[in-house]
Amino acid sequence: MATRATRYRQVDPALFEGRSAPRHRVVVTRATVRRHGEEAVDAELKDLSIYGCRILVEDAQTPGDRLWLRFTGAMPVAATVVWCEAGVMGCRFDEPLASSTARALTLG
């Protein structure tokens, strides 16, 4: 119940961060994205955690699409598109990324 002091005060919306691990800025930004049975396309890695990443790609993707992501110097990683807006997409890795791989790709 609102009190007289708070009744007309603007309240900012609650911030909710649904990620289970923090995202880190990346050192290596070159990546490729490939759907099963299709050619790989160039992409730019924006940030990542051991559970997923945000990636910039020109080809339109649909949430639920299954992809193979390859980062410079790393083995391909199976992922699922969670969201996609204006060429930027968020992907969840099928298996958590190895800590050594994550360290090699990030600043921290």
PDB file of N, CA and C in Angstrom:
ATOM      1  N   MET A   1       0.830  -1.174   0.000  1.00  0.00           N
ATOM      2  CA  MET A   1       0.000   0.000   0.000  1.00  0.00           C
ATOM      3  C   MET A   1       0.877   1.239   0.000  1.00  0.00           C
ATOM      4  N   ALA A   2       0.562   2.178  -0.841  1.00  0.00           N
ATOM      5  CA  ALA A   2       1.352   3.397  -0.956  1.00  0.00           C
ATOM      6  C   ALA A   2       1.069   4.330   0.206  1.00  0.00           C
ATOM      7  N   THR A   3       2.102   4.998   0.655  1.00  0.00           N
ATOM      8  CA  THR A   3       1.935   6.001   1.695  1.00  0.00           C
ATOM      9  C   THR A   3       1.774   7.354   1.034  1.00  0.00           C
ATOM     10  N   ARG A   4       1.449   8.343   1.822  1.00  0.00           N
ATOM     11  CA  ARG A   4       1.253   9.685   1.276  1.00  0.00           C
ATOM     12  C   ARG A   4       2.534  10.174   0.592  1.00  0.00           C
ATOM     13  N   ALA A   5       3.709   9.826   1.111  1.00  0.00           N
ATOM     14  CA  ALA A   5       4.980  10.291   0.555  1.00  0.00           C
ATOM     15  C   ALA A   5       5.327   9.603  -0.759  1.00  0.00           C
ATOM     16  N   THR A   6       4.866   8.388  -0.955  1.00  0.00           N
ATOM     17  CA  THR A   6       5.256   7.647  -2.158  1.00  0.00           C
ATOM     18  C   THR A   6       4.143   7.513  -3.178  1.00  0.00           C
ATOM     19  N   ARG A   7       2.961   7.971  -2.884  1.00  0.00           N
ATOM     20  CA  ARG A   7       1.809   7.755  -3.744  1.00  0.00           C
ATOM     21  C   ARG A   7       2.031   8.300  -5.157  1.00  0.00           C
ATOM     22  N   TYR A   8       2.660   9.454  -5.315  1.00  0.00           N
ATOM     23  CA  TYR A   8       2.806  10.076  -6.626  1.00  0.00           C
ATOM     24  C   TYR A   8       4.239  10.062  -7.144  1.00  0.00           C
ATOM     25  N   ARG A   9       5.101   9.357  -6.472  1.00  0.00           N
ATOM     26  CA  ARG A   9       6.498   9.286  -6.891  1.00  0.00           C
ATOM     27  C   ARG A   9       6.636   8.296  -8.037  1.00  0.00           C
ATOM     28  N   GLN A  10       7.399   8.665  -9.072  1.00  0.00           N
ATOM     29  CA  GLN A  10       7.672   7.771 -10.189  1.00  0.00           C
ATOM     30  C   GLN A  10       8.587   6.644  -9.721  1.00  0.00           C
ATOM     31  N   VAL A  11       8.279   5.449 -10.119  1.00  0.00           N
ATOM     32  CA  VAL A  11       9.093   4.294  -9.757  1.00  0.00           C
ATOM     33  C   VAL A  11       9.658   3.701 -11.043  1.00  0.00           C
ATOM     34  N   ASP A  12      10.970   3.540 -11.058  1.00  0.00           N
ATOM     35  CA  ASP A  12      11.615   2.931 -12.225  1.00  0.00           C
ATOM     36  C   ASP A  12      11.295   1.452 -12.276  1.00  0.00           C
ATOM     37  N   PRO A  13      11.219   0.876 -13.488  1.00  0.00           N
ATOM     38  CA  PRO A  13      10.968  -0.561 -13.582  1.00  0.00           C
ATOM     39  C   PRO A  13      12.123  -1.353 -12.978  1.00  0.00           C
ATOM     40  N   ALA A  14      11.798  -2.488 -12.441  1.00  0.00           N
ATOM     41  CA  ALA A  14      12.814  -3.353 -11.843  1.00  0.00           C
ATOM     42  C   ALA A  14      13.731  -3.889 -12.923  1.00  0.00           C
ATOM     43  N   LEU A  15      14.996  -3.950 -12.617  1.00  0.00           N
ATOM     44  CA  LEU A  15      15.957  -4.526 -13.550  1.00  0.00           C
ATOM     45  C   LEU A  15      16.037  -6.022 -13.286  1.00  0.00           C
ATOM     46  N   PHE A  16      15.975  -6.798 -14.352  1.00  0.00           N
ATOM     47  CA  PHE A  16      16.042  -8.243 -14.203  1.00  0.00           C
ATOM     48  C   PHE A  16      17.071  -8.774 -15.173  1.00  0.00           C
ATOM     49  N   GLU A  17      18.071  -9.389 -14.662  1.00  0.00           N
ATOM     50  CA  GLU A  17      19.121  -9.990 -15.484  1.00  0.00           C
ATOM     51  C   GLU A  17      18.924 -11.488 -15.437  1.00  0.00           C
ATOM     52  N   GLY A  18      18.532 -12.087 -16.561  1.00  0.00           N
ATOM     53  CA  GLY A  18      18.221 -13.499 -16.592  1.00  0.00           C
ATOM     54  C   GLY A  18      19.408 -14.408 -16.851  1.00  0.00           C
ATOM     55  N   ARG A  19      20.589 -13.850 -17.047  1.00  0.00           N
ATOM     56  CA  ARG A  19      21.752 -14.694 -17.341  1.00  0.00           C
ATOM     57  C   ARG A  19      22.262 -15.358 -16.076  1.00  0.00           C
ATOM     58  N   SER A  20      22.737 -16.585 -16.245  1.00  0.00           N
ATOM     59  CA  SER A  20      23.270 -17.308 -15.095  1.00  0.00           C
ATOM     60  C   SER A  20      24.769 -17.087 -14.921  1.00  0.00           C
ATOM     61  N   ALA A  21      25.418 -16.443 -15.893  1.00  0.00           N
ATOM     62  CA  ALA A  21      26.840 -16.141 -15.795  1.00  0.00           C
ATOM     63  C   ALA A  21      27.083 -14.769 -16.414  1.00  0.00           C
ATOM     64  N   PRO A  22      28.042 -14.008 -15.892  1.00  0.00           N
ATOM     65  CA  PRO A  22      28.293 -12.676 -16.444  1.00  0.00           C
ATOM     66  C   PRO A  22      28.853 -12.750 -17.856  1.00  0.00           C
ATOM     67  N   ARG A  23      28.526 -11.737 -18.657  1.00  0.00           N
ATOM     68  CA  ARG A  23      29.084 -11.628 -20.006  1.00  0.00           C
ATOM     69  C   ARG A  23      30.371 -10.824 -19.924  1.00  0.00           C
ATOM     70  N   HIS A  24      31.345 -11.181 -20.759  1.00  0.00           N
ATOM     71  CA  HIS A  24      32.639 -10.517 -20.771  1.00  0.00           C
ATOM     72  C   HIS A  24      32.903  -9.936 -22.146  1.00  0.00           C
ATOM     73  N   ARG A  25      33.574  -8.765 -22.180  1.00  0.00           N
ATOM     74  CA  ARG A  25      34.014  -8.200 -23.453  1.00  0.00           C
ATOM     75  C   ARG A  25      35.046  -9.133 -24.052  1.00  0.00           C
ATOM     76  N   VAL A  26      35.128  -9.144 -25.367  1.00  0.00           N
ATOM     77  CA  VAL A  26      36.011 -10.104 -26.020  1.00  0.00           C
ATOM     78  C   VAL A  26      37.222  -9.433 -26.651  1.00  0.00           C
ATOM     79  N   VAL A  27      38.306 -10.201 -26.751  1.00  0.00           N
ATOM     80  CA  VAL A  27      39.515  -9.773 -27.437  1.00  0.00           C
ATOM     81  C   VAL A  27      39.422 -10.204 -28.894  1.00  0.00           C
ATOM     82  N   VAL A  28      39.014 -11.439 -29.125  1.00  0.00           N
ATOM     83  CA  VAL A  28      38.875 -11.997 -30.468  1.00  0.00           C
ATOM     84  C   VAL A  28      37.449 -11.745 -30.927  1.00  0.00           C
ATOM     85  N   THR A  29      37.293 -11.075 -32.068  1.00  0.00           N
ATOM     86  CA  THR A  29      35.944 -10.758 -32.525  1.00  0.00           C
ATOM     87  C   THR A  29      35.543 -11.498 -33.795  1.00  0.00           C
ATOM     88  N   ARG A  30      36.510 -12.108 -34.499  1.00  0.00           N
ATOM     89  CA  ARG A  30      36.174 -12.844 -35.718  1.00  0.00           C
ATOM     90  C   ARG A  30      35.499 -14.149 -35.370  1.00  0.00           C
ATOM     91  N   ALA A  31      34.431 -14.438 -36.106  1.00  0.00           N
ATOM     92  CA  ALA A  31      33.698 -15.682 -35.894  1.00  0.00           C
ATOM     93  C   ALA A  31      32.996 -16.056 -37.192  1.00  0.00           C
ATOM     94  N   THR A  32      32.549 -17.286 -37.276  1.00  0.00           N
ATOM     95  CA  THR A  32      31.699 -17.718 -38.382  1.00  0.00           C
ATOM     96  C   THR A  32      30.472 -18.402 -37.803  1.00  0.00           C
ATOM     97  N   VAL A  33      29.377 -18.307 -38.553  1.00  0.00           N
ATOM     98  CA  VAL A  33      28.109 -18.912 -38.165  1.00  0.00           C
ATOM     99  C   VAL A  33      27.683 -19.823 -39.301  1.00  0.00           C
ATOM    100  N   ARG A  34      27.281 -21.037 -38.968  1.00  0.00           N
ATOM    101  CA  ARG A  34      26.857 -21.978 -40.008  1.00  0.00           C
ATOM    102  C   ARG A  34      25.643 -22.762 -39.532  1.00  0.00           C
ATOM    103  N   ARG A  35      24.611 -22.747 -40.350  1.00  0.00           N
ATOM    104  CA  ARG A  35      23.473 -23.630 -40.110  1.00  0.00           C
ATOM    105  C   ARG A  35      23.831 -24.998 -40.661  1.00  0.00           C
ATOM    106  N   HIS A  36      23.187 -26.030 -40.157  1.00  0.00           N
ATOM    107  CA  HIS A  36      23.448 -27.394 -40.610  1.00  0.00           C
ATOM    108  C   HIS A  36      23.212 -27.498 -42.115  1.00  0.00           C
ATOM    109  N   GLY A  37      24.223 -27.981 -42.848  1.00  0.00           N
ATOM    110  CA  GLY A  37      24.109 -28.193 -44.282  1.00  0.00           C
ATOM    111  C   GLY A  37      24.283 -26.951 -45.131  1.00  0.00           C
ATOM    112  N   GLU A  38      24.654 -25.810 -44.534  1.00  0.00           N
ATOM    113  CA  GLU A  38      24.840 -24.575 -45.288  1.00  0.00           C
ATOM    114  C   GLU A  38      26.271 -24.073 -45.143  1.00  0.00           C
ATOM    115  N   GLU A  39      26.621 -23.108 -45.976  1.00  0.00           N
ATOM    116  CA  GLU A  39      27.949 -22.498 -45.926  1.00  0.00           C
ATOM    117  C   GLU A  39      28.069 -21.574 -44.714  1.00  0.00           C
ATOM    118  N   ALA A  40      29.275 -21.464 -44.196  1.00  0.00           N
ATOM    119  CA  ALA A  40      29.535 -20.567 -43.065  1.00  0.00           C
ATOM    120  C   ALA A  40      29.551 -19.119 -43.550  1.00  0.00           C
ATOM    121  N   VAL A  41      29.059 -18.205 -42.713  1.00  0.00           N
ATOM    122  CA  VAL A  41      29.093 -16.776 -43.003  1.00  0.00           C
ATOM    123  C   VAL A  41      29.897 -16.082 -41.910  1.00  0.00           C
ATOM    124  N   ASP A  42      30.555 -14.991 -42.278  1.00  0.00           N
ATOM    125  CA  ASP A  42      31.347 -14.237 -41.308  1.00  0.00           C
ATOM    126  C   ASP A  42      30.449 -13.531 -40.314  1.00  0.00           C
ATOM    127  N   ALA A  43      30.935 -13.406 -39.094  1.00  0.00           N
ATOM    128  CA  ALA A  43      30.201 -12.746 -38.026  1.00  0.00           C
ATOM    129  C   ALA A  43      31.196 -12.050 -37.110  1.00  0.00           C
ATOM    130  N   GLU A  44      30.670 -11.230 -36.208  1.00  0.00           N
ATOM    131  CA  GLU A  44      31.518 -10.525 -35.252  1.00  0.00           C
ATOM    132  C   GLU A  44      31.024 -10.834 -33.839  1.00  0.00           C
ATOM    133  N   LEU A  45      31.894 -11.394 -33.031  1.00  0.00           N
ATOM    134  CA  LEU A  45      31.583 -11.722 -31.647  1.00  0.00           C
ATOM    135  C   LEU A  45      31.617 -10.449 -30.821  1.00  0.00           C
ATOM    136  N   LYS A  46      30.542 -10.169 -30.081  1.00  0.00           N
ATOM    137  CA  LYS A  46      30.451  -8.949 -29.279  1.00  0.00           C
ATOM    138  C   LYS A  46      30.790  -9.197 -27.812  1.00  0.00           C
ATOM    139  N   ASP A  47      30.222 -10.228 -27.218  1.00  0.00           N
ATOM    140  CA  ASP A  47      30.544 -10.602 -25.847  1.00  0.00           C
ATOM    141  C   ASP A  47      30.185 -12.065 -25.646  1.00  0.00           C
ATOM    142  N   LEU A  48      30.693 -12.651 -24.561  1.00  0.00           N
ATOM    143  CA  LEU A  48      30.348 -14.039 -24.310  1.00  0.00           C
ATOM    144  C   LEU A  48      30.505 -14.404 -22.850  1.00  0.00           C
ATOM    145  N   SER A  49      29.847 -15.476 -22.474  1.00  0.00           N
ATOM    146  CA  SER A  49      30.007 -16.113 -21.178  1.00  0.00           C
ATOM    147  C   SER A  49      30.233 -17.589 -21.487  1.00  0.00           C
ATOM    148  N   ILE A  50      30.391 -18.409 -20.470  1.00  0.00           N
ATOM    149  CA  ILE A  50      30.589 -19.830 -20.753  1.00  0.00           C
ATOM    150  C   ILE A  50      29.304 -20.486 -21.258  1.00  0.00           C
ATOM    151  N   TYR A  51      28.154 -19.809 -21.081  1.00  0.00           N
ATOM    152  CA  TYR A  51      26.872 -20.383 -21.485  1.00  0.00           C
ATOM    153  C   TYR A  51      26.319 -19.836 -22.800  1.00  0.00           C
ATOM    154  N   GLY A  52      26.836 -18.704 -23.288  1.00  0.00           N
ATOM    155  CA  GLY A  52      26.288 -18.144 -24.517  1.00  0.00           C
ATOM    156  C   GLY A  52      27.055 -16.918 -24.965  1.00  0.00           C
ATOM    157  N   CYS A  53      26.556 -16.301 -26.052  1.00  0.00           N
ATOM    158  CA  CYS A  53      27.241 -15.132 -26.592  1.00  0.00           C
ATOM    159  C   CYS A  53      26.255 -14.229 -27.323  1.00  0.00           C
ATOM    160  N   ARG A  54      26.731 -13.022 -27.600  1.00  0.00           N
ATOM    161  CA  ARG A  54      26.012 -12.072 -28.448  1.00  0.00           C
ATOM    162  C   ARG A  54      26.891 -11.883 -29.674  1.00  0.00           C
ATOM    163  N   ILE A  55      26.301 -12.010 -30.844  1.00  0.00           N
ATOM    164  CA  ILE A  55      27.073 -12.021 -32.079  1.00  0.00           C
ATOM    165  C   ILE A  55      26.359 -11.195 -33.143  1.00  0.00           C
ATOM    166  N   LEU A  56      27.133 -10.488 -33.956  1.00  0.00           N
ATOM    167  CA  LEU A  56      26.614  -9.663 -35.036  1.00  0.00           C
ATOM    168  C   LEU A  56      26.765 -10.437 -36.336  1.00  0.00           C
ATOM    169  N   VAL A  57      25.654 -10.637 -37.056  1.00  0.00           N
ATOM    170  CA  VAL A  57      25.682 -11.400 -38.304  1.00  0.00           C
ATOM    171  C   VAL A  57      24.679 -10.795 -39.280  1.00  0.00           C
ATOM    172  N   GLU A  58      25.026 -10.765 -40.559  1.00  0.00           N
ATOM    173  CA  GLU A  58      24.147 -10.153 -41.552  1.00  0.00           C
ATOM    174  C   GLU A  58      22.942 -11.017 -41.887  1.00  0.00           C
ATOM    175  N   ASP A  59      23.095 -12.332 -41.911  1.00  0.00           N
ATOM    176  CA  ASP A  59      21.978 -13.222 -42.248  1.00  0.00           C
ATOM    177  C   ASP A  59      20.952 -13.242 -41.124  1.00  0.00           C
ATOM    178  N   ALA A  60      19.691 -13.161 -41.497  1.00  0.00           N
ATOM    179  CA  ALA A  60      18.619 -13.211 -40.497  1.00  0.00           C
ATOM    180  C   ALA A  60      18.528 -14.614 -39.906  1.00  0.00           C
ATOM    181  N   GLN A  61      18.421 -14.682 -38.619  1.00  0.00           N
ATOM    182  CA  GLN A  61      18.264 -15.950 -37.905  1.00  0.00           C
ATOM    183  C   GLN A  61      16.934 -15.911 -37.165  1.00  0.00           C
ATOM    184  N   THR A  62      16.432 -17.060 -36.838  1.00  0.00           N
ATOM    185  CA  THR A  62      15.165 -17.164 -36.127  1.00  0.00           C
ATOM    186  C   THR A  62      15.407 -17.830 -34.779  1.00  0.00           C
ATOM    187  N   PRO A  63      14.787 -17.319 -33.707  1.00  0.00           N
ATOM    188  CA  PRO A  63      14.942 -17.990 -32.422  1.00  0.00           C
ATOM    189  C   PRO A  63      14.583 -19.476 -32.549  1.00  0.00           C
ATOM    190  N   GLY A  64      15.441 -20.307 -31.980  1.00  0.00           N
ATOM    191  CA  GLY A  64      15.265 -21.750 -32.074  1.00  0.00           C
ATOM    192  C   GLY A  64      16.155 -22.390 -33.128  1.00  0.00           C
ATOM    193  N   ASP A  65      16.720 -21.576 -34.053  1.00  0.00           N
ATOM    194  CA  ASP A  65      17.637 -22.125 -35.058  1.00  0.00           C
ATOM    195  C   ASP A  65      18.844 -22.746 -34.372  1.00  0.00           C
ATOM    196  N   ARG A  66      19.294 -23.872 -34.890  1.00  0.00           N
ATOM    197  CA  ARG A  66      20.494 -24.548 -34.390  1.00  0.00           C
ATOM    198  C   ARG A  66      21.651 -24.146 -35.289  1.00  0.00           C
ATOM    199  N   LEU A  67      22.770 -23.771 -34.687  1.00  0.00           N
ATOM    200  CA  LEU A  67      23.924 -23.261 -35.415  1.00  0.00           C
ATOM    201  C   LEU A  67      25.218 -23.895 -34.921  1.00  0.00           C
ATOM    202  N   TRP A  68      26.234 -23.759 -35.779  1.00  0.00           N
ATOM    203  CA  TRP A  68      27.611 -24.038 -35.369  1.00  0.00           C
ATOM    204  C   TRP A  68      28.335 -22.706 -35.389  1.00  0.00           C
ATOM    205  N   LEU A  69      28.949 -22.335 -34.273  1.00  0.00           N
ATOM    206  CA  LEU A  69      29.739 -21.111 -34.185  1.00  0.00           C
ATOM    207  C   LEU A  69      31.202 -21.506 -34.101  1.00  0.00           C
ATOM    208  N   ARG A  70      32.030 -20.787 -34.829  1.00  0.00           N
ATOM    209  CA  ARG A  70      33.476 -21.033 -34.747  1.00  0.00           C
ATOM    210  C   ARG A  70      34.157 -19.697 -34.487  1.00  0.00           C
ATOM    211  N   PHE A  71      34.914 -19.660 -33.401  1.00  0.00           N
ATOM    212  CA  PHE A  71      35.675 -18.475 -33.041  1.00  0.00           C
ATOM    213  C   PHE A  71      37.114 -18.696 -33.464  1.00  0.00           C
ATOM    214  N   THR A  72      37.829 -17.636 -33.761  1.00  0.00           N
ATOM    215  CA  THR A  72      39.205 -17.742 -34.218  1.00  0.00           C
ATOM    216  C   THR A  72      40.026 -18.619 -33.274  1.00  0.00           C
ATOM    217  N   GLY A  73      40.625 -19.653 -33.833  1.00  0.00           N
ATOM    218  CA  GLY A  73      41.495 -20.526 -33.063  1.00  0.00           C
ATOM    219  C   GLY A  73      40.781 -21.513 -32.164  1.00  0.00           C
ATOM    220  N   ALA A  74      39.492 -21.691 -32.324  1.00  0.00           N
ATOM    221  CA  ALA A  74      38.759 -22.609 -31.447  1.00  0.00           C
ATOM    222  C   ALA A  74      37.971 -23.613 -32.275  1.00  0.00           C
ATOM    223  N   MET A  75      37.599 -24.700 -31.644  1.00  0.00           N
ATOM    224  CA  MET A  75      36.766 -25.718 -32.286  1.00  0.00           C
ATOM    225  C   MET A  75      35.346 -25.175 -32.438  1.00  0.00           C
ATOM    226  N   PRO A  76      34.562 -25.719 -33.382  1.00  0.00           N
ATOM    227  CA  PRO A  76      33.168 -25.273 -33.527  1.00  0.00           C
ATOM    228  C   PRO A  76      32.365 -25.568 -32.254  1.00  0.00           C
ATOM    229  N   VAL A  77      31.414 -24.682 -31.985  1.00  0.00           N
ATOM    230  CA  VAL A  77      30.567 -24.798 -30.803  1.00  0.00           C
ATOM    231  C   VAL A  77      29.115 -24.863 -31.263  1.00  0.00           C
ATOM    232  N   ALA A  78      28.377 -25.877 -30.811  1.00  0.00           N
ATOM    233  CA  ALA A  78      26.956 -25.987 -31.148  1.00  0.00           C
ATOM    234  C   ALA A  78      26.169 -25.021 -30.269  1.00  0.00           C
ATOM    235  N   ALA A  79      25.221 -24.292 -30.894  1.00  0.00           N
ATOM    236  CA  ALA A  79      24.443 -23.296 -30.158  1.00  0.00           C
ATOM    237  C   ALA A  79      23.033 -23.201 -30.721  1.00  0.00           C
ATOM    238  N   THR A  80      22.162 -22.580 -29.938  1.00  0.00           N
ATOM    239  CA  THR A  80      20.784 -22.324 -30.340  1.00  0.00           C
ATOM    240  C   THR A  80      20.533 -20.827 -30.252  1.00  0.00           C
ATOM    241  N   VAL A  81      19.887 -20.260 -31.280  1.00  0.00           N
ATOM    242  CA  VAL A  81      19.548 -18.835 -31.272  1.00  0.00           C
ATOM    243  C   VAL A  81      18.419 -18.615 -30.268  1.00  0.00           C
ATOM    244  N   VAL A  82      18.618 -17.688 -29.336  1.00  0.00           N
ATOM    245  CA  VAL A  82      17.613 -17.367 -28.337  1.00  0.00           C
ATOM    246  C   VAL A  82      16.809 -16.143 -28.761  1.00  0.00           C
ATOM    247  N   TRP A  83      17.485 -15.146 -29.319  1.00  0.00           N
ATOM    248  CA  TRP A  83      16.817 -13.950 -29.821  1.00  0.00           C
ATOM    249  C   TRP A  83      17.618 -13.378 -30.973  1.00  0.00           C
ATOM    250  N   CYS A  84      16.964 -12.566 -31.818  1.00  0.00           N
ATOM    251  CA  CYS A  84      17.641 -11.916 -32.947  1.00  0.00           C
ATOM    252  C   CYS A  84      16.917 -10.612 -33.263  1.00  0.00           C
ATOM    253  N   GLU A  85      17.664  -9.514 -33.280  1.00  0.00           N
ATOM    254  CA  GLU A  85      17.119  -8.199 -33.602  1.00  0.00           C
ATOM    255  C   GLU A  85      18.128  -7.420 -34.420  1.00  0.00           C
ATOM    256  N   ALA A  86      17.726  -6.956 -35.585  1.00  0.00           N
ATOM    257  CA  ALA A  86      18.538  -6.072 -36.430  1.00  0.00           C
ATOM    258  C   ALA A  86      19.959  -6.589 -36.634  1.00  0.00           C
ATOM    259  N   GLY A  87      20.103  -7.862 -36.917  1.00  0.00           N
ATOM    260  CA  GLY A  87      21.406  -8.435 -37.218  1.00  0.00           C
ATOM    261  C   GLY A  87      22.242  -8.825 -36.018  1.00  0.00           C
ATOM    262  N   VAL A  88      21.750  -8.590 -34.824  1.00  0.00           N
ATOM    263  CA  VAL A  88      22.451  -9.002 -33.607  1.00  0.00           C
ATOM    264  C   VAL A  88      21.650 -10.141 -32.995  1.00  0.00           C
ATOM    265  N   MET A  89      22.338 -11.204 -32.614  1.00  0.00           N
ATOM    266  CA  MET A  89      21.620 -12.337 -32.026  1.00  0.00           C
ATOM    267  C   MET A  89      22.305 -12.823 -30.766  1.00  0.00           C
ATOM    268  N   GLY A  90      21.482 -13.381 -29.906  1.00  0.00           N
ATOM    269  CA  GLY A  90      21.968 -14.002 -28.684  1.00  0.00           C
ATOM    270  C   GLY A  90      21.853 -15.503 -28.829  1.00  0.00           C
ATOM    271  N   CYS A  91      22.908 -16.213 -28.516  1.00  0.00           N
ATOM    272  CA  CYS A  91      22.934 -17.670 -28.656  1.00  0.00           C
ATOM    273  C   CYS A  91      23.256 -18.322 -27.318  1.00  0.00           C
ATOM    274  N   ARG A  92      22.679 -19.480 -27.090  1.00  0.00           N
ATOM    275  CA  ARG A  92      22.982 -20.299 -25.913  1.00  0.00           C
ATOM    276  C   ARG A  92      23.744 -21.526 -26.399  1.00  0.00           C
ATOM    277  N   PHE A  93      24.913 -21.776 -25.822  1.00  0.00           N
ATOM    278  CA  PHE A  93      25.708 -22.934 -26.197  1.00  0.00           C
ATOM    279  C   PHE A  93      25.033 -24.208 -25.702  1.00  0.00           C
ATOM    280  N   ASP A  94      25.131 -25.286 -26.485  1.00  0.00           N
ATOM    281  CA  ASP A  94      24.567 -26.570 -26.068  1.00  0.00           C
ATOM    282  C   ASP A  94      25.285 -27.112 -24.846  1.00  0.00           C
ATOM    283  N   GLU A  95      26.583 -26.923 -24.792  1.00  0.00           N
ATOM    284  CA  GLU A  95      27.413 -27.322 -23.649  1.00  0.00           C
ATOM    285  C   GLU A  95      28.198 -26.086 -23.209  1.00  0.00           C
ATOM    286  N   PRO A  96      28.400 -25.896 -21.899  1.00  0.00           N
ATOM    287  CA  PRO A  96      29.185 -24.742 -21.458  1.00  0.00           C
ATOM    288  C   PRO A  96      30.567 -24.731 -22.112  1.00  0.00           C
ATOM    289  N   LEU A  97      31.019 -23.550 -22.437  1.00  0.00           N
ATOM    290  CA  LEU A  97      32.328 -23.361 -23.051  1.00  0.00           C
ATOM    291  C   LEU A  97      33.414 -23.695 -22.034  1.00  0.00           C
ATOM    292  N   ALA A  98      34.481 -24.315 -22.473  1.00  0.00           N
ATOM    293  CA  ALA A  98      35.605 -24.614 -21.580  1.00  0.00           C
ATOM    294  C   ALA A  98      36.174 -23.305 -21.040  1.00  0.00           C
ATOM    295  N   SER A  99      36.538 -23.292 -19.778  1.00  0.00           N
ATOM    296  CA  SER A  99      37.077 -22.082 -19.156  1.00  0.00           C
ATOM    297  C   SER A  99      38.304 -21.572 -19.890  1.00  0.00           C
ATOM    298  N   SER A 100      39.149 -22.480 -20.357  1.00  0.00           N
ATOM    299  CA  SER A 100      40.359 -22.064 -21.077  1.00  0.00           C
ATOM    300  C   SER A 100      40.006 -21.369 -22.386  1.00  0.00           C
ATOM    301  N   THR A 101      38.979 -21.836 -23.085  1.00  0.00           N
ATOM    302  CA  THR A 101      38.536 -21.200 -24.319  1.00  0.00           C
ATOM    303  C   THR A 101      37.959 -19.817 -24.018  1.00  0.00           C
ATOM    304  N   ALA A 102      37.127 -19.727 -23.002  1.00  0.00           N
ATOM    305  CA  ALA A 102      36.534 -18.442 -22.618  1.00  0.00           C
ATOM    306  C   ALA A 102      37.628 -17.434 -22.248  1.00  0.00           C
ATOM    307  N   ARG A 103      38.625 -17.864 -21.484  1.00  0.00           N
ATOM    308  CA  ARG A 103      39.725 -16.976 -21.111  1.00  0.00           C
ATOM    309  C   ARG A 103      40.491 -16.505 -22.332  1.00  0.00           C
ATOM    310  N   ALA A 104      40.718 -17.389 -23.294  1.00  0.00           N
ATOM    311  CA  ALA A 104      41.474 -17.019 -24.484  1.00  0.00           C
ATOM    312  C   ALA A 104      40.723 -15.988 -25.339  1.00  0.00           C
ATOM    313  N   LEU A 105      39.406 -15.990 -25.284  1.00  0.00           N
ATOM    314  CA  LEU A 105      38.601 -15.082 -26.104  1.00  0.00           C
ATOM    315  C   LEU A 105      38.239 -13.783 -25.426  1.00  0.00           C
ATOM    316  N   THR A 106      38.353 -13.717 -24.095  1.00  0.00           N
ATOM    317  CA  THR A 106      37.915 -12.523 -23.367  1.00  0.00           C
ATOM    318  C   THR A 106      39.071 -11.748 -22.768  1.00  0.00           C
ATOM    319  N   LEU A 107      38.741 -10.574 -22.265  1.00  0.00           N
ATOM    320  CA  LEU A 107      39.733  -9.724 -21.635  1.00  0.00           C
ATOM    321  C   LEU A 107      40.110 -10.188 -20.239  1.00  0.00           C
ATOM    322  N   GLY A 108      39.217 -10.961 -19.588  1.00  0.00           N
ATOM    323  CA  GLY A 108      39.459 -11.304 -18.192  1.00  0.00           C
ATOM    324  C   GLY A 108      39.771 -12.669 -17.904  1.00  0.00           C
TER     325      GLY A 108
END
